[in-house]
């Protein structure tokens, strides 16, 4: 900071000196060069005093202002760095969460797929068992119906045979046959007692 002040002061003095030289070398005025030089030096001296006063009174506030600005910039840079680090940490955290969520989604998807396959196998197995049961029930029902039909046919055959036997007996059975059968039956009953 102090160096820059010296550089500014030196630049101002050089400009003043160059301006004075160019003013002194200018032609067309027939003024004594001693008066001009005296006037130039007076002006240069006034300018130097003004600059010195300005430097004396403004150097500290400018230094403080620039130092405060520097500190503010440093604080801002530190804050920006901290915020950047926090943002990077948050990004890393969210990136990790996203990776975990992606893995969880893949695991859930695989689990659902496996569960679906198991359910498919269970449904197919249940359907096969149900088909076998229906087939067995149908066979049992058919066998039952066949047995019922046989029983019905046997009953009808018996009824038919009884009917035919009755007819034959009615036609061929006489009163003598009836008496003879009763006698035989009585004789057998008597032998038993």
N, C-alpha and C. Protein backbone atom coordinates (compact mmCIF):
# COMPACT_ATOMS: atom_id res chain seq x y z
N UNK A 1 0.82 -1.17 0.00
CA UNK A 1 0.00 0.00 0.00
C UNK A 1 0.88 1.25 0.00
N UNK A 2 1.89 1.22 0.84
CA UNK A 2 2.79 2.36 0.94
C UNK A 2 3.55 2.55 -0.37
N UNK A 3 3.92 1.46 -1.01
CA UNK A 3 4.65 1.54 -2.28
C UNK A 3 3.77 2.18 -3.36
N UNK A 4 2.51 1.80 -3.37
CA UNK A 4 1.62 2.35 -4.40
C UNK A 4 1.44 3.86 -4.19
N UNK A 5 1.42 4.29 -2.94
CA UNK A 5 1.31 5.73 -2.66
C UNK A 5 2.54 6.48 -3.17
N UNK A 6 3.69 5.89 -2.93
CA UNK A 6 4.93 6.52 -3.41
C UNK A 6 4.93 6.59 -4.93
N UNK A 7 4.45 5.51 -5.57
CA UNK A 7 4.41 5.48 -7.03
C UNK A 7 3.47 6.55 -7.55
N UNK A 8 2.32 6.74 -6.92
CA UNK A 8 1.37 7.76 -7.36
C UNK A 8 1.98 9.14 -7.17
N UNK A 9 2.60 9.38 -6.04
CA UNK A 9 3.22 10.68 -5.76
C UNK A 9 4.33 10.97 -6.77
N UNK A 10 5.15 9.99 -7.04
CA UNK A 10 6.24 10.16 -8.01
C UNK A 10 5.68 10.44 -9.40
N UNK A 11 4.60 9.76 -9.78
CA UNK A 11 3.99 9.98 -11.09
C UNK A 11 3.45 11.39 -11.20
N UNK A 12 2.82 11.87 -10.13
CA UNK A 12 2.27 13.24 -10.15
C UNK A 12 3.40 14.27 -10.27
N UNK A 13 4.47 14.04 -9.52
CA UNK A 13 5.62 14.98 -9.61
C UNK A 13 6.24 14.97 -11.00
N UNK A 14 6.35 13.80 -11.58
CA UNK A 14 6.93 13.73 -12.92
C UNK A 14 6.04 14.43 -13.94
N UNK A 15 4.73 14.25 -13.81
CA UNK A 15 3.82 14.95 -14.72
C UNK A 15 3.93 16.46 -14.56
N UNK A 16 4.00 16.86 -13.33
CA UNK A 16 4.14 18.31 -13.08
C UNK A 16 5.44 18.83 -13.66
N UNK A 17 6.51 18.10 -13.50
CA UNK A 17 7.81 18.52 -14.02
C UNK A 17 7.81 18.55 -15.53
N UNK A 18 7.24 17.53 -16.15
CA UNK A 18 7.16 17.49 -17.62
C UNK A 18 6.28 18.61 -18.14
N UNK A 19 5.18 18.86 -17.44
CA UNK A 19 4.30 19.97 -17.84
C UNK A 19 5.04 21.31 -17.77
N UNK A 20 5.84 21.46 -16.74
CA UNK A 20 6.60 22.70 -16.59
C UNK A 20 7.65 22.86 -17.68
N UNK A 21 8.29 21.76 -17.99
CA UNK A 21 9.32 21.83 -19.04
C UNK A 21 8.68 22.17 -20.37
N UNK A 22 7.56 21.54 -20.67
CA UNK A 22 6.90 21.81 -21.96
C UNK A 22 6.37 23.24 -21.98
N UNK A 23 5.91 23.74 -20.86
CA UNK A 23 5.42 25.10 -20.79
C UNK A 23 6.57 26.09 -20.97
N UNK A 24 7.70 25.76 -20.38
CA UNK A 24 8.85 26.65 -20.46
C UNK A 24 9.45 26.66 -21.85
N UNK A 25 9.35 25.53 -22.55
CA UNK A 25 9.97 25.47 -23.87
C UNK A 25 9.06 26.06 -24.94
N UNK A 26 7.86 26.38 -24.61
CA UNK A 26 6.93 26.92 -25.59
C UNK A 26 7.37 28.31 -26.05
N UNK A 27 7.23 28.56 -27.33
CA UNK A 27 7.64 29.85 -27.87
C UNK A 27 6.45 30.77 -28.03
N UNK A 28 6.70 31.97 -28.47
CA UNK A 28 5.64 32.90 -28.78
C UNK A 28 5.35 33.86 -27.66
N UNK A 29 5.81 33.61 -26.50
CA UNK A 29 5.57 34.54 -25.41
C UNK A 29 6.90 35.19 -25.10
N UNK A 30 6.86 36.37 -25.01
CA UNK A 30 8.07 37.11 -24.79
C UNK A 30 8.18 37.48 -23.33
N UNK A 31 7.98 36.53 -22.51
CA UNK A 31 8.04 36.80 -21.10
C UNK A 31 9.40 36.34 -20.64
N UNK A 32 9.92 36.96 -19.67
CA UNK A 32 11.23 36.60 -19.18
C UNK A 32 11.15 35.20 -18.63
N UNK A 33 12.14 34.42 -18.95
CA UNK A 33 12.12 33.02 -18.55
C UNK A 33 12.24 32.88 -17.04
N UNK A 34 12.85 33.79 -16.39
CA UNK A 34 12.97 33.73 -14.94
C UNK A 34 11.62 33.87 -14.28
N UNK A 35 10.74 34.68 -14.81
CA UNK A 35 9.42 34.87 -14.23
C UNK A 35 8.60 33.60 -14.42
N UNK A 36 8.73 33.07 -15.62
CA UNK A 36 7.99 31.84 -15.90
C UNK A 36 8.46 30.70 -15.02
N UNK A 37 9.75 30.59 -14.88
CA UNK A 37 10.29 29.51 -14.04
C UNK A 37 9.87 29.71 -12.61
N UNK A 38 9.89 30.95 -12.16
CA UNK A 38 9.49 31.24 -10.81
C UNK A 38 8.01 30.89 -10.62
N UNK A 39 7.17 31.25 -11.60
CA UNK A 39 5.75 30.95 -11.53
C UNK A 39 5.52 29.43 -11.55
N UNK A 40 6.27 28.76 -12.40
CA UNK A 40 6.13 27.30 -12.48
C UNK A 40 6.54 26.62 -11.17
N UNK A 41 7.66 27.06 -10.60
CA UNK A 41 8.11 26.49 -9.35
C UNK A 41 7.13 26.78 -8.22
N UNK A 42 6.55 27.99 -8.24
CA UNK A 42 5.55 28.32 -7.24
C UNK A 42 4.34 27.40 -7.37
N UNK A 43 3.90 27.21 -8.58
CA UNK A 43 2.76 26.32 -8.80
C UNK A 43 3.09 24.87 -8.43
N UNK A 44 4.29 24.50 -8.78
CA UNK A 44 4.74 23.15 -8.45
C UNK A 44 4.83 22.97 -6.95
N UNK A 45 5.32 23.96 -6.29
CA UNK A 45 5.39 23.91 -4.83
C UNK A 45 4.00 23.83 -4.22
N UNK A 46 3.07 24.65 -4.71
CA UNK A 46 1.67 24.59 -4.24
C UNK A 46 1.07 23.19 -4.45
N UNK A 47 1.34 22.69 -5.62
CA UNK A 47 0.80 21.35 -5.96
C UNK A 47 1.38 20.30 -5.02
N UNK A 48 2.68 20.37 -4.76
CA UNK A 48 3.34 19.42 -3.88
C UNK A 48 2.78 19.53 -2.47
N UNK A 49 2.51 20.76 -2.01
CA UNK A 49 1.96 20.95 -0.66
C UNK A 49 0.55 20.34 -0.60
N UNK A 50 -0.25 20.59 -1.64
CA UNK A 50 -1.62 20.03 -1.67
C UNK A 50 -1.56 18.51 -1.66
N UNK A 51 -0.65 17.97 -2.47
CA UNK A 51 -0.52 16.51 -2.52
C UNK A 51 -0.04 15.99 -1.17
N UNK A 52 0.93 16.65 -0.56
CA UNK A 52 1.45 16.22 0.74
C UNK A 52 0.35 16.27 1.79
N UNK A 53 -0.46 17.37 1.79
CA UNK A 53 -1.56 17.48 2.76
C UNK A 53 -2.57 16.36 2.53
N UNK A 54 -2.87 16.14 1.24
CA UNK A 54 -3.83 15.07 0.92
C UNK A 54 -3.30 13.71 1.36
N UNK A 55 -2.01 13.49 1.10
CA UNK A 55 -1.41 12.23 1.50
C UNK A 55 -1.41 12.12 3.01
N UNK A 56 -1.06 13.19 3.70
CA UNK A 56 -1.00 13.16 5.15
C UNK A 56 -2.38 12.86 5.75
N UNK A 57 -3.41 13.54 5.26
CA UNK A 57 -4.73 13.36 5.85
C UNK A 57 -5.50 12.17 5.28
N UNK A 58 -5.23 11.85 4.05
CA UNK A 58 -6.02 10.78 3.42
C UNK A 58 -5.33 9.43 3.41
N UNK A 59 -4.04 9.40 3.71
CA UNK A 59 -3.31 8.13 3.64
C UNK A 59 -3.88 7.11 4.62
N UNK A 60 -4.06 7.51 5.87
CA UNK A 60 -4.56 6.58 6.87
C UNK A 60 -5.99 6.11 6.55
N UNK A 61 -6.92 7.02 6.25
CA UNK A 61 -8.28 6.54 5.91
C UNK A 61 -8.28 5.65 4.66
N UNK A 62 -7.48 6.01 3.68
CA UNK A 62 -7.43 5.18 2.46
C UNK A 62 -6.83 3.83 2.79
N UNK A 63 -5.75 3.85 3.61
CA UNK A 63 -5.15 2.57 4.01
C UNK A 63 -6.17 1.74 4.79
N UNK A 64 -6.86 2.40 5.73
CA UNK A 64 -7.87 1.67 6.51
C UNK A 64 -8.97 1.14 5.60
N UNK A 65 -9.41 2.00 4.70
CA UNK A 65 -10.46 1.59 3.77
C UNK A 65 -10.02 0.41 2.91
N UNK A 66 -8.79 0.53 2.39
CA UNK A 66 -8.28 -0.56 1.54
C UNK A 66 -8.03 -1.82 2.37
N UNK A 67 -7.53 -1.62 3.61
CA UNK A 67 -7.31 -2.78 4.48
C UNK A 67 -8.65 -3.43 4.82
N UNK A 68 -9.64 -2.58 5.13
CA UNK A 68 -10.98 -3.11 5.42
C UNK A 68 -11.56 -3.83 4.21
N UNK A 69 -11.35 -3.23 3.05
CA UNK A 69 -11.83 -3.86 1.81
C UNK A 69 -11.13 -5.19 1.59
N UNK A 70 -9.80 -5.22 1.84
CA UNK A 70 -9.04 -6.46 1.69
C UNK A 70 -9.57 -7.53 2.65
N UNK A 71 -9.79 -7.10 3.93
CA UNK A 71 -10.32 -8.04 4.91
C UNK A 71 -11.70 -8.53 4.50
N UNK A 72 -12.50 -7.60 4.00
CA UNK A 72 -13.84 -7.98 3.56
C UNK A 72 -13.76 -8.97 2.39
N UNK A 73 -12.87 -8.71 1.47
CA UNK A 73 -12.69 -9.62 0.33
C UNK A 73 -12.19 -10.97 0.82
N UNK A 74 -11.23 -10.95 1.77
CA UNK A 74 -10.73 -12.21 2.31
C UNK A 74 -11.84 -12.98 3.03
N UNK A 75 -12.65 -12.24 3.81
CA UNK A 75 -13.78 -12.90 4.49
C UNK A 75 -14.76 -13.47 3.46
N UNK A 76 -15.03 -12.68 2.44
CA UNK A 76 -15.96 -13.13 1.39
C UNK A 76 -15.41 -14.37 0.69
N UNK A 77 -14.11 -14.35 0.40
CA UNK A 77 -13.48 -15.51 -0.24
C UNK A 77 -13.53 -16.73 0.68
N UNK A 78 -13.24 -16.51 1.97
CA UNK A 78 -13.29 -17.61 2.93
C UNK A 78 -14.71 -18.15 3.03
N UNK A 79 -15.68 -17.23 3.08
CA UNK A 79 -17.09 -17.65 3.15
C UNK A 79 -17.48 -18.40 1.88
N UNK A 80 -17.04 -17.90 0.73
CA UNK A 80 -17.34 -18.58 -0.53
C UNK A 80 -16.70 -19.97 -0.55
N UNK A 81 -15.48 -20.06 -0.04
CA UNK A 81 -14.80 -21.36 0.01
C UNK A 81 -15.55 -22.31 0.93
N UNK A 82 -15.98 -21.79 2.09
CA UNK A 82 -16.74 -22.62 3.03
C UNK A 82 -18.06 -23.09 2.42
N UNK A 83 -18.75 -22.16 1.77
CA UNK A 83 -20.02 -22.51 1.13
C UNK A 83 -19.79 -23.53 0.02
N UNK A 84 -18.71 -23.34 -0.72
CA UNK A 84 -18.39 -24.29 -1.80
C UNK A 84 -18.12 -25.67 -1.21
N UNK A 85 -17.35 -25.71 -0.11
CA UNK A 85 -17.06 -27.00 0.53
C UNK A 85 -18.34 -27.64 1.07
N UNK A 86 -19.21 -26.82 1.67
CA UNK A 86 -20.49 -27.35 2.16
C UNK A 86 -21.32 -27.88 0.99
N UNK A 87 -21.34 -27.11 -0.11
CA UNK A 87 -22.10 -27.54 -1.28
C UNK A 87 -21.54 -28.85 -1.84
N UNK A 88 -20.21 -28.95 -1.87
CA UNK A 88 -19.59 -30.18 -2.36
C UNK A 88 -19.91 -31.35 -1.43
N UNK A 89 -19.91 -31.08 -0.11
CA UNK A 89 -20.25 -32.13 0.85
C UNK A 89 -21.71 -32.55 0.66
N UNK A 90 -22.61 -31.57 0.48
CA UNK A 90 -24.02 -31.88 0.24
C UNK A 90 -24.17 -32.67 -1.05
N UNK A 91 -23.43 -32.24 -2.08
CA UNK A 91 -23.50 -32.94 -3.36
C UNK A 91 -23.03 -34.39 -3.20
N UNK A 92 -21.93 -34.56 -2.48
CA UNK A 92 -21.43 -35.92 -2.25
C UNK A 92 -22.45 -36.74 -1.47
N UNK A 93 -23.06 -36.10 -0.46
CA UNK A 93 -24.07 -36.80 0.35
C UNK A 93 -25.27 -37.20 -0.52
N UNK A 94 -25.76 -36.25 -1.33
CA UNK A 94 -26.90 -36.55 -2.18
C UNK A 94 -26.54 -37.57 -3.26
N UNK A 95 -25.31 -37.46 -3.74
CA UNK A 95 -24.85 -38.44 -4.74
C UNK A 95 -24.82 -39.83 -4.13
N UNK A 96 -24.34 -39.92 -2.89
CA UNK A 96 -24.32 -41.21 -2.18
C UNK A 96 -25.75 -41.71 -1.95
N UNK A 97 -26.63 -40.79 -1.52
CA UNK A 97 -28.03 -41.18 -1.31
C UNK A 97 -28.66 -41.65 -2.62
N UNK A 98 -28.34 -40.95 -3.70
CA UNK A 98 -28.88 -41.33 -5.00
C UNK A 98 -28.36 -42.70 -5.41
N UNK A 99 -27.08 -42.95 -5.17
CA UNK A 99 -26.51 -44.26 -5.50
C UNK A 99 -27.19 -45.35 -4.66
N UNK A 100 -27.38 -45.06 -3.37
CA UNK A 100 -28.07 -46.03 -2.50
C UNK A 100 -29.50 -46.24 -2.97
N UNK A 101 -30.18 -45.15 -3.32
CA UNK A 101 -31.57 -45.27 -3.78
C UNK A 101 -31.62 -46.09 -5.07
N UNK A 102 -30.65 -45.87 -5.95
CA UNK A 102 -30.60 -46.64 -7.19
C UNK A 102 -30.39 -48.12 -6.88
N UNK A 103 -29.49 -48.40 -5.93
CA UNK A 103 -29.28 -49.80 -5.54
C UNK A 103 -30.53 -50.38 -4.91
N UNK A 104 -31.20 -49.60 -4.04
CA UNK A 104 -32.42 -50.09 -3.41
C UNK A 104 -33.51 -50.34 -4.45
N UNK A 105 -33.61 -49.45 -5.43
CA UNK A 105 -34.60 -49.63 -6.49
C UNK A 105 -34.29 -50.91 -7.26
N UNK A 106 -33.02 -51.14 -7.56
CA UNK A 106 -32.63 -52.36 -8.27
C UNK A 106 -32.94 -53.59 -7.42
N UNK A 107 -32.64 -53.51 -6.12
CA UNK A 107 -32.93 -54.65 -5.23
C UNK A 107 -34.43 -54.90 -5.14
N UNK A 108 -35.21 -53.83 -4.99
CA UNK A 108 -36.67 -53.97 -4.92
C UNK A 108 -37.20 -54.55 -6.22
N UNK A 109 -36.68 -54.05 -7.33
CA UNK A 109 -37.11 -54.56 -8.64
C UNK A 109 -36.79 -56.04 -8.78
N UNK A 110 -35.58 -56.42 -8.38
CA UNK A 110 -35.21 -57.84 -8.43
C UNK A 110 -36.09 -58.66 -7.49
N UNK A 111 -36.33 -58.13 -6.30
CA UNK A 111 -37.18 -58.83 -5.33
C UNK A 111 -38.59 -59.01 -5.89
N UNK A 112 -39.13 -57.96 -6.48
CA UNK A 112 -40.47 -58.05 -7.07
C UNK A 112 -40.47 -59.07 -8.21
N UNK A 113 -39.42 -59.04 -9.02
CA UNK A 113 -39.33 -59.99 -10.14
C UNK A 113 -39.26 -61.42 -9.61
N UNK A 114 -38.42 -61.64 -8.58
CA UNK A 114 -38.31 -62.99 -8.00
C UNK A 114 -39.64 -63.41 -7.38
N UNK A 115 -40.27 -62.48 -6.67
CA UNK A 115 -41.57 -62.78 -6.04
C UNK A 115 -42.60 -63.11 -7.11
N UNK A 116 -42.57 -62.36 -8.21
CA UNK A 116 -43.47 -62.63 -9.32
C UNK A 116 -43.24 -64.01 -9.91
N UNK A 117 -41.95 -64.35 -10.07
CA UNK A 117 -41.63 -65.69 -10.59
C UNK A 117 -42.12 -66.77 -9.64
N UNK A 118 -41.88 -66.56 -8.33
CA UNK A 118 -42.35 -67.55 -7.34
C UNK A 118 -43.87 -67.66 -7.37
N UNK A 119 -44.52 -66.50 -7.46
CA UNK A 119 -45.98 -66.50 -7.49
C UNK A 119 -46.48 -67.20 -8.76
N UNK A 120 -45.79 -66.96 -9.86
CA UNK A 120 -46.15 -67.61 -11.13
C UNK A 120 -46.03 -69.12 -10.99
N UNK A 121 -44.91 -69.56 -10.40
CA UNK A 121 -44.69 -70.99 -10.20
C UNK A 121 -45.76 -71.56 -9.27
N UNK A 122 -46.06 -70.82 -8.18
CA UNK A 122 -47.10 -71.28 -7.25
C UNK A 122 -48.46 -71.37 -7.93
N UNK A 123 -48.79 -70.38 -8.74
CA UNK A 123 -50.08 -70.39 -9.44
C UNK A 123 -50.13 -71.55 -10.41
N UNK A 124 -49.05 -71.77 -11.15
CA UNK A 124 -49.02 -72.89 -12.09
C UNK A 124 -49.14 -74.21 -11.35
N UNK A 125 -48.42 -74.34 -10.24
CA UNK A 125 -48.48 -75.57 -9.44
C UNK A 125 -49.88 -75.78 -8.88
N UNK A 126 -50.47 -74.68 -8.37
CA UNK A 126 -51.84 -74.77 -7.85
C UNK A 126 -52.81 -75.17 -8.95
N UNK A 127 -52.62 -74.58 -10.13
CA UNK A 127 -53.49 -74.91 -11.25
C UNK A 127 -53.33 -76.37 -11.65
N UNK A 128 -52.09 -76.89 -11.64
CA UNK A 128 -51.87 -78.30 -11.97
C UNK A 128 -52.55 -79.19 -10.93
N UNK A 129 -52.37 -78.84 -9.65
CA UNK A 129 -53.00 -79.64 -8.59
C UNK A 129 -54.51 -79.57 -8.69
N UNK A 130 -55.04 -78.39 -9.00
CA UNK A 130 -56.48 -78.25 -9.16
C UNK A 130 -56.98 -79.06 -10.35
N UNK A 131 -56.21 -79.06 -11.44
CA UNK A 131 -56.58 -79.85 -12.61
C UNK A 131 -56.59 -81.34 -12.27
N UNK A 132 -55.56 -81.77 -11.52
CA UNK A 132 -55.50 -83.19 -11.11
C UNK A 132 -56.69 -83.50 -10.21
N UNK A 133 -57.01 -82.62 -9.28
CA UNK A 133 -58.14 -82.85 -8.38
C UNK A 133 -59.45 -82.88 -9.16
N UNK A 134 -59.60 -81.95 -10.09
CA UNK A 134 -60.82 -81.93 -10.91
C UNK A 134 -60.92 -83.22 -11.71
N UNK A 135 -59.79 -83.65 -12.26
CA UNK A 135 -59.77 -84.90 -13.04
C UNK A 135 -60.15 -86.09 -12.15
N UNK A 136 -59.57 -86.13 -10.92
CA UNK A 136 -59.89 -87.21 -10.00
C UNK A 136 -61.35 -87.14 -9.58
N UNK A 137 -61.83 -85.92 -9.31
CA UNK A 137 -63.23 -85.77 -8.95
C UNK A 137 -64.13 -86.20 -10.09
N UNK A 138 -63.73 -85.87 -11.31
CA UNK A 138 -64.52 -86.29 -12.47
C UNK A 138 -64.51 -87.80 -12.61
N UNK A 139 -63.33 -88.41 -12.41
CA UNK A 139 -63.25 -89.87 -12.47
C UNK A 139 -64.11 -90.49 -11.37
N UNK A 140 -64.00 -89.95 -10.14
CA UNK A 140 -64.81 -90.47 -9.03
C UNK A 140 -66.30 -90.30 -9.33
N UNK A 141 -66.66 -89.13 -9.86
CA UNK A 141 -68.06 -88.89 -10.19
C UNK A 141 -68.52 -89.85 -11.28
N UNK A 142 -67.64 -90.08 -12.27
CA UNK A 142 -67.99 -91.01 -13.35
C UNK A 142 -68.15 -92.42 -12.79
N UNK A 143 -67.20 -92.82 -11.92
CA UNK A 143 -67.29 -94.15 -11.32
C UNK A 143 -68.56 -94.27 -10.47
N UNK A 144 -68.86 -93.19 -9.74
CA UNK A 144 -70.07 -93.20 -8.92
C UNK A 144 -71.32 -93.31 -9.80
N UNK A 145 -71.31 -92.58 -10.90
CA UNK A 145 -72.44 -92.64 -11.82
C UNK A 145 -72.55 -94.03 -12.43
N UNK A 146 -71.40 -94.62 -12.79
CA UNK A 146 -71.41 -95.98 -13.35
C UNK A 146 -71.95 -96.96 -12.31
N UNK A 147 -71.47 -96.80 -11.04
CA UNK A 147 -71.94 -97.69 -9.98
C UNK A 147 -73.44 -97.51 -9.76
N UNK A 148 -73.90 -96.25 -9.78
CA UNK A 148 -75.33 -95.99 -9.63
C UNK A 148 -76.10 -96.63 -10.78
N UNK A 149 -75.54 -96.46 -11.97
CA UNK A 149 -76.21 -97.03 -13.14
C UNK A 149 -76.27 -98.55 -13.02
N UNK A 150 -75.17 -99.19 -12.56
CA UNK A 150 -75.15 -100.65 -12.39
C UNK A 150 -76.20 -101.06 -11.36
N UNK A 151 -76.20 -100.32 -10.23
CA UNK A 151 -77.17 -100.63 -9.18
C UNK A 151 -78.58 -100.49 -9.72
N UNK A 152 -78.82 -99.44 -10.45
CA UNK A 152 -80.14 -99.20 -11.02
C UNK A 152 -80.49 -100.31 -12.01
N UNK A 153 -79.50 -100.68 -12.83
CA UNK A 153 -79.74 -101.76 -13.79
C UNK A 153 -80.00 -103.07 -13.07
N UNK A 154 -79.22 -103.35 -12.00
CA UNK A 154 -79.42 -104.59 -11.24
C UNK A 154 -80.81 -104.58 -10.59
N UNK A 155 -81.21 -103.44 -10.03
CA UNK A 155 -82.53 -103.34 -9.42
C UNK A 155 -83.61 -103.57 -10.46
N UNK A 156 -83.43 -102.90 -11.60
CA UNK A 156 -84.42 -103.09 -12.66
C UNK A 156 -84.43 -104.54 -13.13
N UNK A 157 -83.21 -105.14 -13.23
CA UNK A 157 -83.14 -106.54 -13.67
C UNK A 157 -83.83 -107.45 -12.65
N UNK A 158 -83.60 -107.16 -11.36
CA UNK A 158 -84.24 -107.96 -10.32
C UNK A 158 -85.75 -107.79 -10.39
N UNK A 159 -86.20 -106.55 -10.52
CA UNK A 159 -87.63 -106.31 -10.61
C UNK A 159 -88.22 -107.02 -11.84
N UNK A 160 -87.45 -106.91 -12.92
CA UNK A 160 -87.90 -107.56 -14.15
C UNK A 160 -87.94 -109.08 -13.96
N UNK A 161 -86.91 -109.63 -13.29
CA UNK A 161 -86.86 -111.07 -13.05
C UNK A 161 -87.99 -111.48 -12.12
N UNK A 162 -88.24 -110.70 -11.09
CA UNK A 162 -89.33 -111.00 -10.15
C UNK A 162 -90.65 -110.95 -10.90
N UNK A 163 -90.78 -109.93 -11.72
CA UNK A 163 -92.01 -109.81 -12.51
C UNK A 163 -92.21 -110.99 -13.44
N UNK A 164 -91.14 -111.41 -14.10
CA UNK A 164 -91.21 -112.55 -15.01
C UNK A 164 -91.49 -113.81 -14.21
N UNK A 165 -90.81 -113.96 -13.04
CA UNK A 165 -91.02 -115.15 -12.22
C UNK A 165 -92.46 -115.20 -11.72
N UNK A 166 -93.02 -114.05 -11.33
CA UNK A 166 -94.40 -114.02 -10.88
C UNK A 166 -95.33 -114.45 -12.00
N UNK A 167 -95.07 -113.94 -13.16
CA UNK A 167 -95.90 -114.28 -14.32
C UNK A 167 -95.84 -115.78 -14.57
N UNK A 168 -94.57 -116.28 -14.52
CA UNK A 168 -94.40 -117.72 -14.78
C UNK A 168 -95.09 -118.52 -13.68
N UNK A 169 -94.95 -118.08 -12.46
CA UNK A 169 -95.58 -118.82 -11.37
C UNK A 169 -97.11 -118.75 -11.48
N UNK A 170 -97.61 -117.59 -11.83
CA UNK A 170 -99.05 -117.45 -11.96
C UNK A 170 -99.56 -118.36 -13.08
N UNK A 171 -98.80 -118.46 -14.13
CA UNK A 171 -99.24 -119.30 -15.24
C UNK A 171 -99.05 -120.78 -14.91
N UNK A 172 -97.93 -121.12 -14.31
CA UNK A 172 -97.58 -122.53 -14.14
C UNK A 172 -97.88 -123.06 -12.74
N UNK A 173 -98.18 -122.25 -11.81
CA UNK A 173 -98.40 -122.69 -10.43
C UNK A 173 -99.88 -122.97 -10.24
N UNK A 174 -100.12 -124.14 -9.72
CA UNK A 174 -101.51 -124.56 -9.54
C UNK A 174 -101.78 -124.73 -8.07
N UNK A 175 -103.04 -125.12 -7.77
CA UNK A 175 -103.46 -125.28 -6.40
C UNK A 175 -102.76 -126.48 -5.77
N UNK A 176 -102.51 -127.48 -6.52
CA UNK A 176 -101.81 -128.67 -6.04
C UNK A 176 -100.39 -128.31 -5.66
N UNK A 177 -99.75 -127.48 -6.48
CA UNK A 177 -98.36 -127.06 -6.20
C UNK A 177 -98.34 -126.25 -4.91
N UNK A 178 -99.36 -125.48 -4.69
CA UNK A 178 -99.43 -124.65 -3.50
C UNK A 178 -99.58 -125.53 -2.26
N UNK A 179 -100.37 -126.52 -2.29
CA UNK A 179 -100.59 -127.41 -1.18
C UNK A 179 -99.33 -128.20 -0.93
N UNK A 180 -98.74 -128.71 -1.91
CA UNK A 180 -97.51 -129.49 -1.78
C UNK A 180 -96.42 -128.62 -1.15
N UNK A 181 -96.23 -127.39 -1.54
CA UNK A 181 -95.21 -126.51 -0.99
C UNK A 181 -95.48 -126.21 0.48
N UNK A 182 -96.72 -126.01 0.83
CA UNK A 182 -97.07 -125.73 2.22
C UNK A 182 -96.76 -126.95 3.07
N UNK A 183 -97.06 -128.13 2.58
CA UNK A 183 -96.78 -129.37 3.33
C UNK A 183 -95.28 -129.53 3.51
N UNK A 184 -94.53 -129.30 2.50
CA UNK A 184 -93.06 -129.45 2.58
C UNK A 184 -92.49 -128.45 3.58
N UNK A 185 -93.05 -127.27 3.55
CA UNK A 185 -92.55 -126.24 4.45
C UNK A 185 -92.88 -126.61 5.90
N UNK A 186 -94.02 -127.13 6.15
CA UNK A 186 -94.42 -127.52 7.50
C UNK A 186 -93.59 -128.70 8.01
N UNK A 187 -93.32 -129.56 7.14
CA UNK A 187 -92.51 -130.72 7.50
C UNK A 187 -91.12 -130.25 7.89
N UNK A 188 -90.52 -129.33 7.16
CA UNK A 188 -89.17 -128.82 7.44
C UNK A 188 -89.19 -128.03 8.74
N UNK A 189 -90.21 -127.29 9.01
CA UNK A 189 -90.29 -126.49 10.22
C UNK A 189 -90.45 -127.45 11.41
N UNK A 190 -91.20 -128.50 11.24
CA UNK A 190 -91.37 -129.46 12.30
C UNK A 190 -90.10 -130.21 12.61
N UNK A 191 -89.29 -130.47 11.65
CA UNK A 191 -88.03 -131.18 11.86
C UNK A 191 -87.06 -130.27 12.62
N UNK A 192 -87.14 -129.05 12.42
CA UNK A 192 -86.22 -128.12 13.08
C UNK A 192 -86.55 -127.99 14.55
N UNK A 193 -87.83 -128.21 14.95
CA UNK A 193 -88.19 -128.05 16.35
C UNK A 193 -88.20 -129.32 17.01
